[in-house]
Amino acid sequence: MFRITAKRLRLLLAMVLALSLFIIPVSAKFTTISVFIRGQELVSEPMVRRIDDLTYVPLRAFVTALDENAQFSWSDESQSAIVTSNGMDIKVKQDGSYIVANGRYLYLDGGKVRNEDGSLMLPIRPLAKAFGVSVEWDSEQDCVLVSGTVTPITPGWAYYNEESVYWLSHIVYSEAGCESLEGQIAVAQVVLNRKDCSLWPNTIYDVIFDRRAGVQFSPTANGSIYQDPSEESIAAAKLALDGADVVADCCYFLNPDISSDGWFERNCNYYTTIGSHKFYNGGLW
């Protein structure tokens, strides 16, 4: 039988320690970064960091730096933090891809809410938008600067047009109700891109029901446009109306499994594929 002597044990422990020096901790994958709020550095634990080109800040630390009287609560049922500050309510759902501030749906730019040792961290810009403060990158000092007076975001009831949300959420659900949230936002963004282009009508309703060159969206012909949208499709519509950007200036999309993409390939520029839809820009844009 092999016996481990004290000498051999010490040697084994030394080898384990040496090997551990070459193991890169998970936190080393992140890049720490400095954030200054009105000239004061945000010192927090977890630390501010860059992840996938997004600056993440701890929710509690960031909000408290703007409002020391802010109140925080946690809902086990929805796995969400509720923040009350300056007459504004903010809901932050763990692992969520957006936050809701005063009824406004703010996309996290492809990021998500992260839970690190009990602290929720999320991209800084949507939080700054909720509080009405500006965020700038200081290339000389290699840091993020937050400035301005706190001005709570205009509430959703005053910002969103009811008819716009109604029709945009309906076309999103009928075209992409089975897609991911990102895929649903992309469809909504195509409609909004068309509305903002002089080559199409200037209202969401008229873009959706435009028939000048034939039916633009098949749900308007088969009647599925009138199905009640899901909560997620309504959220996608509001996220798009609040500036969520996932397909840039694309004005076209199609599902190649059920439609020919020949015209798009000849006349447009392929941009990306999200779920079952391919998105294009160019063409008549």
C-alpha atoms as a PDB file:
ATOM      1  CA  MET A   1       0.000   0.000   0.000  1.00  0.00           C
ATOM      2  CA  PHE A   2       1.254   3.482  -0.936  1.00  0.00           C
ATOM      3  CA  ARG A   3       1.833   5.615   2.165  1.00  0.00           C
ATOM      4  CA  ILE A   4       1.851   9.405   2.074  1.00  0.00           C
ATOM      5  CA  THR A   5       4.646  10.588   4.307  1.00  0.00           C
ATOM      6  CA  ALA A   6       4.805  14.094   5.739  1.00  0.00           C
ATOM      7  CA  LYS A   7       7.523  14.953   3.216  1.00  0.00           C
ATOM      8  CA  ARG A   8       5.469  13.690   0.293  1.00  0.00           C
ATOM      9  CA  LEU A   9       2.391  15.536   1.566  1.00  0.00           C
ATOM     10  CA  ARG A  10       4.321  18.799   1.736  1.00  0.00           C
ATOM     11  CA  LEU A  11       5.586  18.217  -1.805  1.00  0.00           C
ATOM     12  CA  LEU A  12       2.060  17.491  -3.053  1.00  0.00           C
ATOM     13  CA  LEU A  13       0.655  20.650  -1.436  1.00  0.00           C
ATOM     14  CA  ALA A  14       3.458  22.712  -2.972  1.00  0.00           C
ATOM     15  CA  MET A  15       2.634  21.348  -6.440  1.00  0.00           C
ATOM     16  CA  VAL A  16      -1.077  22.146  -5.992  1.00  0.00           C
ATOM     17  CA  LEU A  17      -0.236  25.694  -4.911  1.00  0.00           C
ATOM     18  CA  ALA A  18       2.064  26.175  -7.883  1.00  0.00           C
ATOM     19  CA  LEU A  19      -0.579  24.967 -10.311  1.00  0.00           C
ATOM     20  CA  SER A  20      -3.180  27.260  -8.768  1.00  0.00           C
ATOM     21  CA  LEU A  21      -1.118  30.272  -9.750  1.00  0.00           C
ATOM     22  CA  PHE A  22      -1.841  29.491 -13.392  1.00  0.00           C
ATOM     23  CA  ILE A  23      -5.613  29.242 -12.965  1.00  0.00           C
ATOM     24  CA  ILE A  24      -7.336  32.431 -14.136  1.00  0.00           C
ATOM     25  CA  PRO A  25     -10.186  33.435 -11.824  1.00  0.00           C
ATOM     26  CA  VAL A  26     -13.585  34.130 -13.368  1.00  0.00           C
ATOM     27  CA  SER A  27     -13.405  37.774 -12.322  1.00  0.00           C
ATOM     28  CA  ALA A  28     -10.248  38.209 -14.433  1.00  0.00           C
ATOM     29  CA  LYS A  29     -12.416  37.886 -17.538  1.00  0.00           C
ATOM     30  CA  PHE A  30     -13.946  41.245 -16.664  1.00  0.00           C
ATOM     31  CA  THR A  31     -12.291  44.616 -17.083  1.00  0.00           C
ATOM     32  CA  THR A  32     -12.697  46.940 -14.129  1.00  0.00           C
ATOM     33  CA  ILE A  33     -13.415  50.563 -14.958  1.00  0.00           C
ATOM     34  CA  SER A  34     -13.894  53.833 -13.091  1.00  0.00           C
ATOM     35  CA  VAL A  35     -17.190  55.708 -13.041  1.00  0.00           C
ATOM     36  CA  PHE A  36     -17.441  59.252 -11.697  1.00  0.00           C
ATOM     37  CA  ILE A  37     -20.844  60.596 -10.690  1.00  0.00           C
ATOM     38  CA  ARG A  38     -20.796  64.385 -10.434  1.00  0.00           C
ATOM     39  CA  GLY A  39     -17.071  64.274  -9.854  1.00  0.00           C
ATOM     40  CA  GLN A  40     -17.146  61.546  -7.197  1.00  0.00           C
ATOM     41  CA  GLU A  41     -15.821  58.103  -8.036  1.00  0.00           C
ATOM     42  CA  LEU A  42     -18.358  55.327  -7.583  1.00  0.00           C
ATOM     43  CA  VAL A  43     -16.720  52.922  -5.120  1.00  0.00           C
ATOM     44  CA  SER A  44     -18.691  49.723  -4.778  1.00  0.00           C
ATOM     45  CA  GLU A  45     -18.620  46.009  -4.238  1.00  0.00           C
ATOM     46  CA  PRO A  46     -18.997  44.361  -6.702  1.00  0.00           C
ATOM     47  CA  MET A  47     -16.808  46.750  -8.641  1.00  0.00           C
ATOM     48  CA  VAL A  48     -17.878  48.557 -11.780  1.00  0.00           C
ATOM     49  CA  ARG A  49     -16.717  46.612 -14.823  1.00  0.00           C
ATOM     50  CA  ARG A  50     -16.876  46.305 -18.598  1.00  0.00           C
ATOM     51  CA  ILE A  51     -18.561  43.186 -19.967  1.00  0.00           C
ATOM     52  CA  ASP A  52     -19.048  42.750 -23.729  1.00  0.00           C
ATOM     53  CA  ASP A  53     -18.423  46.486 -24.295  1.00  0.00           C
ATOM     54  CA  LEU A  54     -21.091  47.478 -21.752  1.00  0.00           C
ATOM     55  CA  THR A  55     -20.317  49.261 -18.483  1.00  0.00           C
ATOM     56  CA  TYR A  56     -22.037  47.418 -15.623  1.00  0.00           C
ATOM     57  CA  VAL A  57     -22.773  49.120 -12.303  1.00  0.00           C
ATOM     58  CA  PRO A  58     -24.284  47.742  -9.074  1.00  0.00           C
ATOM     59  CA  LEU A  59     -27.914  48.871  -8.919  1.00  0.00           C
ATOM     60  CA  ARG A  60     -27.947  49.898  -5.262  1.00  0.00           C
ATOM     61  CA  ALA A  61     -24.638  51.767  -5.364  1.00  0.00           C
ATOM     62  CA  PHE A  62     -25.485  53.696  -8.537  1.00  0.00           C
ATOM     63  CA  VAL A  63     -28.965  54.708  -7.410  1.00  0.00           C
ATOM     64  CA  THR A  64     -27.788  55.668  -3.914  1.00  0.00           C
ATOM     65  CA  ALA A  65     -25.098  57.900  -5.424  1.00  0.00           C
ATOM     66  CA  LEU A  66     -27.879  59.815  -7.201  1.00  0.00           C
ATOM     67  CA  ASP A  67     -30.405  59.675  -4.362  1.00  0.00           C
ATOM     68  CA  GLU A  68     -29.281  58.736  -0.853  1.00  0.00           C
ATOM     69  CA  ASN A  69     -32.929  58.460   0.210  1.00  0.00           C
ATOM     70  CA  ALA A  70     -33.849  55.860  -2.400  1.00  0.00           C
ATOM     71  CA  GLN A  71     -35.681  52.804  -1.113  1.00  0.00           C
ATOM     72  CA  PHE A  72     -35.119  49.208  -2.228  1.00  0.00           C
ATOM     73  CA  SER A  73     -37.239  46.081  -1.908  1.00  0.00           C
ATOM     74  CA  TRP A  74     -37.131  42.559  -3.326  1.00  0.00           C
ATOM     75  CA  SER A  75     -39.902  40.333  -4.675  1.00  0.00           C
ATOM     76  CA  ASP A  76     -39.190  36.592  -4.437  1.00  0.00           C
ATOM     77  CA  GLU A  77     -42.223  35.909  -6.598  1.00  0.00           C
ATOM     78  CA  SER A  78     -41.025  37.905  -9.605  1.00  0.00           C
ATOM     79  CA  GLN A  79     -37.302  37.740  -8.744  1.00  0.00           C
ATOM     80  CA  SER A  80     -37.195  41.494  -9.110  1.00  0.00           C
ATOM     81  CA  ALA A  81     -35.835  44.475  -7.241  1.00  0.00           C
ATOM     82  CA  ILE A  82     -38.127  47.475  -6.824  1.00  0.00           C
ATOM     83  CA  VAL A  83     -36.500  50.889  -6.466  1.00  0.00           C
ATOM     84  CA  THR A  84     -38.390  53.981  -5.351  1.00  0.00           C
ATOM     85  CA  SER A  85     -36.535  57.232  -5.931  1.00  0.00           C
ATOM     86  CA  ASN A  86     -37.544  60.825  -6.627  1.00  0.00           C
ATOM     87  CA  GLY A  87     -41.145  59.848  -7.158  1.00  0.00           C
ATOM     88  CA  MET A  88     -40.090  57.163  -9.638  1.00  0.00           C
ATOM     89  CA  ASP A  89     -40.486  53.382  -9.479  1.00  0.00           C
ATOM     90  CA  ILE A  90     -37.983  51.141 -11.233  1.00  0.00           C
ATOM     91  CA  LYS A  91     -38.409  47.385 -11.607  1.00  0.00           C
ATOM     92  CA  VAL A  92     -35.270  45.359 -12.283  1.00  0.00           C
ATOM     93  CA  LYS A  93     -35.786  41.657 -12.921  1.00  0.00           C
ATOM     94  CA  GLN A  94     -32.913  39.256 -12.355  1.00  0.00           C
ATOM     95  CA  ASP A  95     -31.559  37.957 -15.687  1.00  0.00           C
ATOM     96  CA  GLY A  96     -33.892  40.372 -17.494  1.00  0.00           C
ATOM     97  CA  SER A  97     -32.912  42.141 -20.710  1.00  0.00           C
ATOM     98  CA  TYR A  98     -34.738  45.375 -19.880  1.00  0.00           C
ATOM     99  CA  ILE A  99     -35.903  47.455 -16.935  1.00  0.00           C
ATOM    100  CA  VAL A 100     -39.209  49.244 -16.388  1.00  0.00           C
ATOM    101  CA  ALA A 101     -38.933  52.797 -15.071  1.00  0.00           C
ATOM    102  CA  ASN A 102     -42.153  54.739 -14.461  1.00  0.00           C
ATOM    103  CA  GLY A 103     -43.853  52.438 -16.941  1.00  0.00           C
ATOM    104  CA  ARG A 104     -41.140  53.002 -19.581  1.00  0.00           C
ATOM    105  CA  TYR A 105     -39.447  49.939 -21.081  1.00  0.00           C
ATOM    106  CA  LEU A 106     -35.688  50.447 -21.390  1.00  0.00           C
ATOM    107  CA  TYR A 107     -33.616  47.868 -23.266  1.00  0.00           C
ATOM    108  CA  LEU A 108     -30.240  46.829 -21.861  1.00  0.00           C
ATOM    109  CA  ASP A 109     -28.548  46.987 -25.262  1.00  0.00           C
ATOM    110  CA  GLY A 110     -28.079  43.243 -25.512  1.00  0.00           C
ATOM    111  CA  GLY A 111     -26.923  42.898 -21.910  1.00  0.00           C
ATOM    112  CA  LYS A 112     -28.847  41.474 -18.989  1.00  0.00           C
ATOM    113  CA  VAL A 113     -29.305  41.973 -15.263  1.00  0.00           C
ATOM    114  CA  ARG A 114     -26.646  39.955 -13.457  1.00  0.00           C
ATOM    115  CA  ASN A 115     -26.721  38.730  -9.864  1.00  0.00           C
ATOM    116  CA  GLU A 116     -23.258  38.765  -8.363  1.00  0.00           C
ATOM    117  CA  ASP A 117     -23.145  37.618  -4.752  1.00  0.00           C
ATOM    118  CA  GLY A 118     -26.594  39.042  -4.105  1.00  0.00           C
ATOM    119  CA  SER A 119     -25.977  42.354  -5.868  1.00  0.00           C
ATOM    120  CA  LEU A 120     -27.804  43.153  -9.109  1.00  0.00           C
ATOM    121  CA  MET A 121     -25.604  44.653 -11.814  1.00  0.00           C
ATOM    122  CA  LEU A 122     -26.772  46.100 -15.117  1.00  0.00           C
ATOM    123  CA  PRO A 123     -25.596  48.363 -17.947  1.00  0.00           C
ATOM    124  CA  ILE A 124     -25.285  51.982 -16.888  1.00  0.00           C
ATOM    125  CA  ARG A 125     -26.987  53.790 -19.779  1.00  0.00           C
ATOM    126  CA  PRO A 126     -30.580  52.562 -19.249  1.00  0.00           C
ATOM    127  CA  LEU A 127     -30.313  53.471 -15.559  1.00  0.00           C
ATOM    128  CA  ALA A 128     -28.963  56.894 -16.464  1.00  0.00           C
ATOM    129  CA  LYS A 129     -31.845  57.374 -18.902  1.00  0.00           C
ATOM    130  CA  ALA A 130     -34.330  56.549 -16.152  1.00  0.00           C
ATOM    131  CA  PHE A 131     -32.831  59.272 -13.958  1.00  0.00           C
ATOM    132  CA  GLY A 132     -32.370  61.766 -16.771  1.00  0.00           C
ATOM    133  CA  VAL A 133     -28.615  62.108 -16.298  1.00  0.00           C
ATOM    134  CA  SER A 134     -26.012  61.971 -19.048  1.00  0.00           C
ATOM    135  CA  VAL A 135     -23.260  59.403 -19.548  1.00  0.00           C
ATOM    136  CA  GLU A 136     -20.052  60.194 -21.396  1.00  0.00           C
ATOM    137  CA  TRP A 137     -16.822  58.340 -22.045  1.00  0.00           C
ATOM    138  CA  ASP A 138     -13.673  60.271 -21.139  1.00  0.00           C
ATOM    139  CA  SER A 139     -11.038  58.865 -23.476  1.00  0.00           C
ATOM    140  CA  GLU A 140      -8.225  60.873 -21.868  1.00  0.00           C
ATOM    141  CA  GLN A 141      -8.914  59.615 -18.355  1.00  0.00           C
ATOM    142  CA  ASP A 142     -10.215  56.246 -19.552  1.00  0.00           C
ATOM    143  CA  CYS A 143     -13.348  56.447 -17.424  1.00  0.00           C
ATOM    144  CA  VAL A 144     -17.111  57.057 -17.509  1.00  0.00           C
ATOM    145  CA  LEU A 145     -18.544  60.403 -16.441  1.00  0.00           C
ATOM    146  CA  VAL A 146     -22.114  60.795 -15.187  1.00  0.00           C
ATOM    147  CA  SER A 147     -23.427  64.345 -14.919  1.00  0.00           C
ATOM    148  CA  GLY A 148     -26.590  66.416 -14.816  1.00  0.00           C
ATOM    149  CA  THR A 149     -29.496  66.995 -12.476  1.00  0.00           C
ATOM    150  CA  VAL A 150     -31.750  64.045 -11.740  1.00  0.00           C
ATOM    151  CA  THR A 151     -34.921  64.411 -13.809  1.00  0.00           C
ATOM    152  CA  PRO A 152     -37.121  61.297 -13.592  1.00  0.00           C
ATOM    153  CA  ILE A 153     -38.061  59.862 -16.951  1.00  0.00           C
ATOM    154  CA  THR A 154     -41.424  60.850 -18.428  1.00  0.00           C
ATOM    155  CA  PRO A 155     -43.910  58.147 -17.366  1.00  0.00           C
ATOM    156  CA  GLY A 156     -45.144  55.592 -19.857  1.00  0.00           C
ATOM    157  CA  TRP A 157     -48.749  56.793 -19.786  1.00  0.00           C
ATOM    158  CA  ALA A 158     -47.605  60.191 -21.055  1.00  0.00           C
ATOM    159  CA  TYR A 159     -44.919  58.924 -23.446  1.00  0.00           C
ATOM    160  CA  TYR A 160     -46.461  56.006 -25.342  1.00  0.00           C
ATOM    161  CA  ASN A 161     -49.246  56.623 -27.818  1.00  0.00           C
ATOM    162  CA  GLU A 162     -51.960  54.064 -27.069  1.00  0.00           C
ATOM    163  CA  GLU A 163     -52.811  53.437 -30.714  1.00  0.00           C
ATOM    164  CA  SER A 164     -49.149  53.031 -31.648  1.00  0.00           C
ATOM    165  CA  VAL A 165     -48.580  50.445 -28.918  1.00  0.00           C
ATOM    166  CA  TYR A 166     -51.793  48.652 -29.913  1.00  0.00           C
ATOM    167  CA  TRP A 167     -50.943  48.145 -33.583  1.00  0.00           C
ATOM    168  CA  LEU A 168     -47.211  47.675 -33.127  1.00  0.00           C
ATOM    169  CA  SER A 169     -47.721  44.957 -30.509  1.00  0.00           C
ATOM    170  CA  HIS A 170     -50.310  43.272 -32.762  1.00  0.00           C
ATOM    171  CA  ILE A 171     -48.012  43.112 -35.785  1.00  0.00           C
ATOM    172  CA  VAL A 172     -45.135  41.940 -33.567  1.00  0.00           C
ATOM    173  CA  TYR A 173     -47.201  39.131 -32.100  1.00  0.00           C
ATOM    174  CA  SER A 174     -48.681  38.003 -35.430  1.00  0.00           C
ATOM    175  CA  GLU A 175     -45.309  38.079 -37.214  1.00  0.00           C
ATOM    176  CA  ALA A 176     -42.937  37.006 -34.442  1.00  0.00           C
ATOM    177  CA  GLY A 177     -44.899  35.925 -31.375  1.00  0.00           C
ATOM    178  CA  CYS A 178     -42.928  32.661 -31.234  1.00  0.00           C
ATOM    179  CA  GLU A 179     -39.563  34.407 -31.556  1.00  0.00           C
ATOM    180  CA  SER A 180     -37.240  35.594 -28.806  1.00  0.00           C
ATOM    181  CA  LEU A 181     -37.724  39.054 -27.318  1.00  0.00           C
ATOM    182  CA  GLU A 182     -34.860  40.274 -29.506  1.00  0.00           C
ATOM    183  CA  GLY A 183     -36.595  38.872 -32.592  1.00  0.00           C
ATOM    184  CA  GLN A 184     -39.834  40.606 -31.643  1.00  0.00           C
ATOM    185  CA  ILE A 185     -38.079  43.924 -31.078  1.00  0.00           C
ATOM    186  CA  ALA A 186     -36.465  43.556 -34.499  1.00  0.00           C
ATOM    187  CA  VAL A 187     -39.849  43.256 -36.228  1.00  0.00           C
ATOM    188  CA  ALA A 188     -41.132  46.305 -34.356  1.00  0.00           C
ATOM    189  CA  GLN A 189     -38.008  48.223 -35.341  1.00  0.00           C
ATOM    190  CA  VAL A 190     -38.547  47.460 -39.028  1.00  0.00           C
ATOM    191  CA  VAL A 191     -42.030  48.983 -38.810  1.00  0.00           C
ATOM    192  CA  LEU A 192     -40.669  52.071 -37.054  1.00  0.00           C
ATOM    193  CA  ASN A 193     -37.833  52.403 -39.567  1.00  0.00           C
ATOM    194  CA  ARG A 194     -40.381  52.438 -42.365  1.00  0.00           C
ATOM    195  CA  LYS A 195     -42.496  55.021 -40.558  1.00  0.00           C
ATOM    196  CA  ASP A 196     -39.466  57.294 -40.329  1.00  0.00           C
ATOM    197  CA  CYS A 197     -38.591  56.901 -44.013  1.00  0.00           C
ATOM    198  CA  SER A 198     -40.222  59.152 -46.638  1.00  0.00           C
ATOM    199  CA  LEU A 199     -40.777  56.150 -48.913  1.00  0.00           C
ATOM    200  CA  TRP A 200     -43.442  54.741 -46.596  1.00  0.00           C
ATOM    201  CA  PRO A 201     -46.446  56.177 -44.731  1.00  0.00           C
ATOM    202  CA  ASN A 202     -45.695  58.187 -41.602  1.00  0.00           C
ATOM    203  CA  THR A 203     -47.862  56.358 -39.073  1.00  0.00           C
ATOM    204  CA  ILE A 204     -47.496  52.875 -37.620  1.00  0.00           C
ATOM    205  CA  TYR A 205     -51.015  51.905 -38.646  1.00  0.00           C
ATOM    206  CA  ASP A 206     -50.521  53.058 -42.250  1.00  0.00           C
ATOM    207  CA  VAL A 207     -47.154  51.293 -42.514  1.00  0.00           C
ATOM    208  CA  ILE A 208     -48.677  48.029 -41.323  1.00  0.00           C
ATOM    209  CA  PHE A 209     -51.684  48.223 -43.660  1.00  0.00           C
ATOM    210  CA  ASP A 210     -49.805  49.742 -46.619  1.00  0.00           C
ATOM    211  CA  ARG A 211     -50.905  48.059 -49.875  1.00  0.00           C
ATOM    212  CA  ARG A 212     -49.379  50.308 -52.524  1.00  0.00           C
ATOM    213  CA  ALA A 213     -47.072  47.531 -53.709  1.00  0.00           C
ATOM    214  CA  GLY A 214     -49.207  44.663 -52.497  1.00  0.00           C
ATOM    215  CA  VAL A 215     -49.688  43.438 -48.953  1.00  0.00           C
ATOM    216  CA  GLN A 216     -46.619  44.349 -46.898  1.00  0.00           C
ATOM    217  CA  PHE A 217     -47.355  42.154 -43.887  1.00  0.00           C
ATOM    218  CA  SER A 218     -49.240  38.900 -44.388  1.00  0.00           C
ATOM    219  CA  PRO A 219     -51.104  39.054 -41.025  1.00  0.00           C
ATOM    220  CA  THR A 220     -53.121  41.976 -42.409  1.00  0.00           C
ATOM    221  CA  ALA A 221     -54.376  39.665 -45.172  1.00  0.00           C
ATOM    222  CA  ASN A 222     -54.982  36.483 -43.192  1.00  0.00           C
ATOM    223  CA  GLY A 223     -56.505  38.239 -40.192  1.00  0.00           C
ATOM    224  CA  SER A 224     -53.948  37.150 -37.583  1.00  0.00           C
ATOM    225  CA  ILE A 225     -53.145  40.826 -36.991  1.00  0.00           C
ATOM    226  CA  TYR A 226     -56.282  40.951 -34.827  1.00  0.00           C
ATOM    227  CA  GLN A 227     -55.131  38.295 -32.349  1.00  0.00           C
ATOM    228  CA  ASP A 228     -54.520  39.577 -28.826  1.00  0.00           C
ATOM    229  CA  PRO A 229     -50.771  40.085 -28.331  1.00  0.00           C
ATOM    230  CA  SER A 230     -48.810  38.502 -25.504  1.00  0.00           C
ATOM    231  CA  GLU A 231     -47.327  40.554 -22.668  1.00  0.00           C
ATOM    232  CA  GLU A 232     -43.900  39.981 -24.188  1.00  0.00           C
ATOM    233  CA  SER A 233     -45.018  41.341 -27.565  1.00  0.00           C
ATOM    234  CA  ILE A 234     -46.422  44.435 -25.869  1.00  0.00           C
ATOM    235  CA  ALA A 235     -43.109  44.831 -24.053  1.00  0.00           C
ATOM    236  CA  ALA A 236     -41.222  44.442 -27.355  1.00  0.00           C
ATOM    237  CA  ALA A 237     -43.354  47.174 -28.929  1.00  0.00           C
ATOM    238  CA  LYS A 238     -42.678  49.546 -26.047  1.00  0.00           C
ATOM    239  CA  LEU A 239     -38.963  48.713 -26.041  1.00  0.00           C
ATOM    240  CA  ALA A 240     -38.766  49.562 -29.738  1.00  0.00           C
ATOM    241  CA  LEU A 241     -40.722  52.782 -29.217  1.00  0.00           C
ATOM    242  CA  ASP A 242     -38.217  53.669 -26.492  1.00  0.00           C
ATOM    243  CA  GLY A 243     -35.266  53.263 -28.838  1.00  0.00           C
ATOM    244  CA  ALA A 244     -34.189  49.625 -28.534  1.00  0.00           C
ATOM    245  CA  ASP A 245     -31.866  48.977 -31.470  1.00  0.00           C
ATOM    246  CA  VAL A 246     -31.188  45.438 -32.681  1.00  0.00           C
ATOM    247  CA  VAL A 247     -31.372  45.736 -36.497  1.00  0.00           C
ATOM    248  CA  ALA A 248     -30.127  49.279 -37.145  1.00  0.00           C
ATOM    249  CA  ASP A 249     -31.795  50.768 -40.271  1.00  0.00           C
ATOM    250  CA  CYS A 250     -33.341  47.553 -41.630  1.00  0.00           C
ATOM    251  CA  CYS A 251     -36.672  48.047 -43.391  1.00  0.00           C
ATOM    252  CA  TYR A 252     -37.246  44.460 -44.508  1.00  0.00           C
ATOM    253  CA  PHE A 253     -37.487  41.003 -42.981  1.00  0.00           C
ATOM    254  CA  LEU A 254     -38.706  37.615 -44.116  1.00  0.00           C
ATOM    255  CA  ASN A 255     -38.843  34.004 -43.113  1.00  0.00           C
ATOM    256  CA  PRO A 256     -36.989  32.163 -45.923  1.00  0.00           C
ATOM    257  CA  ASP A 257     -38.755  28.927 -44.999  1.00  0.00           C
ATOM    258  CA  ILE A 258     -42.092  30.304 -46.178  1.00  0.00           C
ATOM    259  CA  SER A 259     -41.104  33.161 -48.524  1.00  0.00           C
ATOM    260  CA  SER A 260     -38.639  33.592 -51.366  1.00  0.00           C
ATOM    261  CA  ASP A 261     -35.696  35.848 -50.608  1.00  0.00           C
ATOM    262  CA  GLY A 262     -34.679  36.318 -54.238  1.00  0.00           C
ATOM    263  CA  TRP A 263     -35.798  39.950 -54.503  1.00  0.00           C
ATOM    264  CA  PHE A 264     -34.124  40.832 -51.216  1.00  0.00           C
ATOM    265  CA  GLU A 265     -30.854  39.187 -52.229  1.00  0.00           C
ATOM    266  CA  ARG A 266     -30.852  41.116 -55.516  1.00  0.00           C
ATOM    267  CA  ASN A 267     -31.939  44.512 -54.209  1.00  0.00           C
ATOM    268  CA  CYS A 268     -31.009  44.749 -50.528  1.00  0.00           C
ATOM    269  CA  ASN A 269     -28.120  44.233 -48.177  1.00  0.00           C
ATOM    270  CA  TYR A 270     -28.355  41.294 -45.792  1.00  0.00           C
ATOM    271  CA  TYR A 271     -27.886  42.494 -42.207  1.00  0.00           C
ATOM    272  CA  THR A 272     -28.505  39.614 -39.783  1.00  0.00           C
ATOM    273  CA  THR A 273     -30.679  36.634 -38.905  1.00  0.00           C
ATOM    274  CA  ILE A 274     -32.626  36.493 -35.657  1.00  0.00           C
ATOM    275  CA  GLY A 275     -34.545  33.295 -35.072  1.00  0.00           C
ATOM    276  CA  SER A 276     -36.447  32.401 -38.238  1.00  0.00           C
ATOM    277  CA  HIS A 277     -36.236  35.885 -39.788  1.00  0.00           C
ATOM    278  CA  LYS A 278     -33.590  37.399 -42.040  1.00  0.00           C
ATOM    279  CA  PHE A 279     -33.268  41.189 -41.921  1.00  0.00           C
ATOM    280  CA  TYR A 280     -32.188  43.495 -44.743  1.00  0.00           C
ATOM    281  CA  ASN A 281     -31.389  47.147 -45.245  1.00  0.00           C
ATOM    282  CA  GLY A 282     -30.773  49.147 -48.410  1.00  0.00           C
ATOM    283  CA  GLY A 283     -33.216  48.513 -51.230  1.00  0.00           C
ATOM    284  CA  LEU A 284     -35.660  51.401 -51.311  1.00  0.00           C
ATOM    285  CA  TRP A 285     -34.201  52.947 -48.159  1.00  0.00           C
END
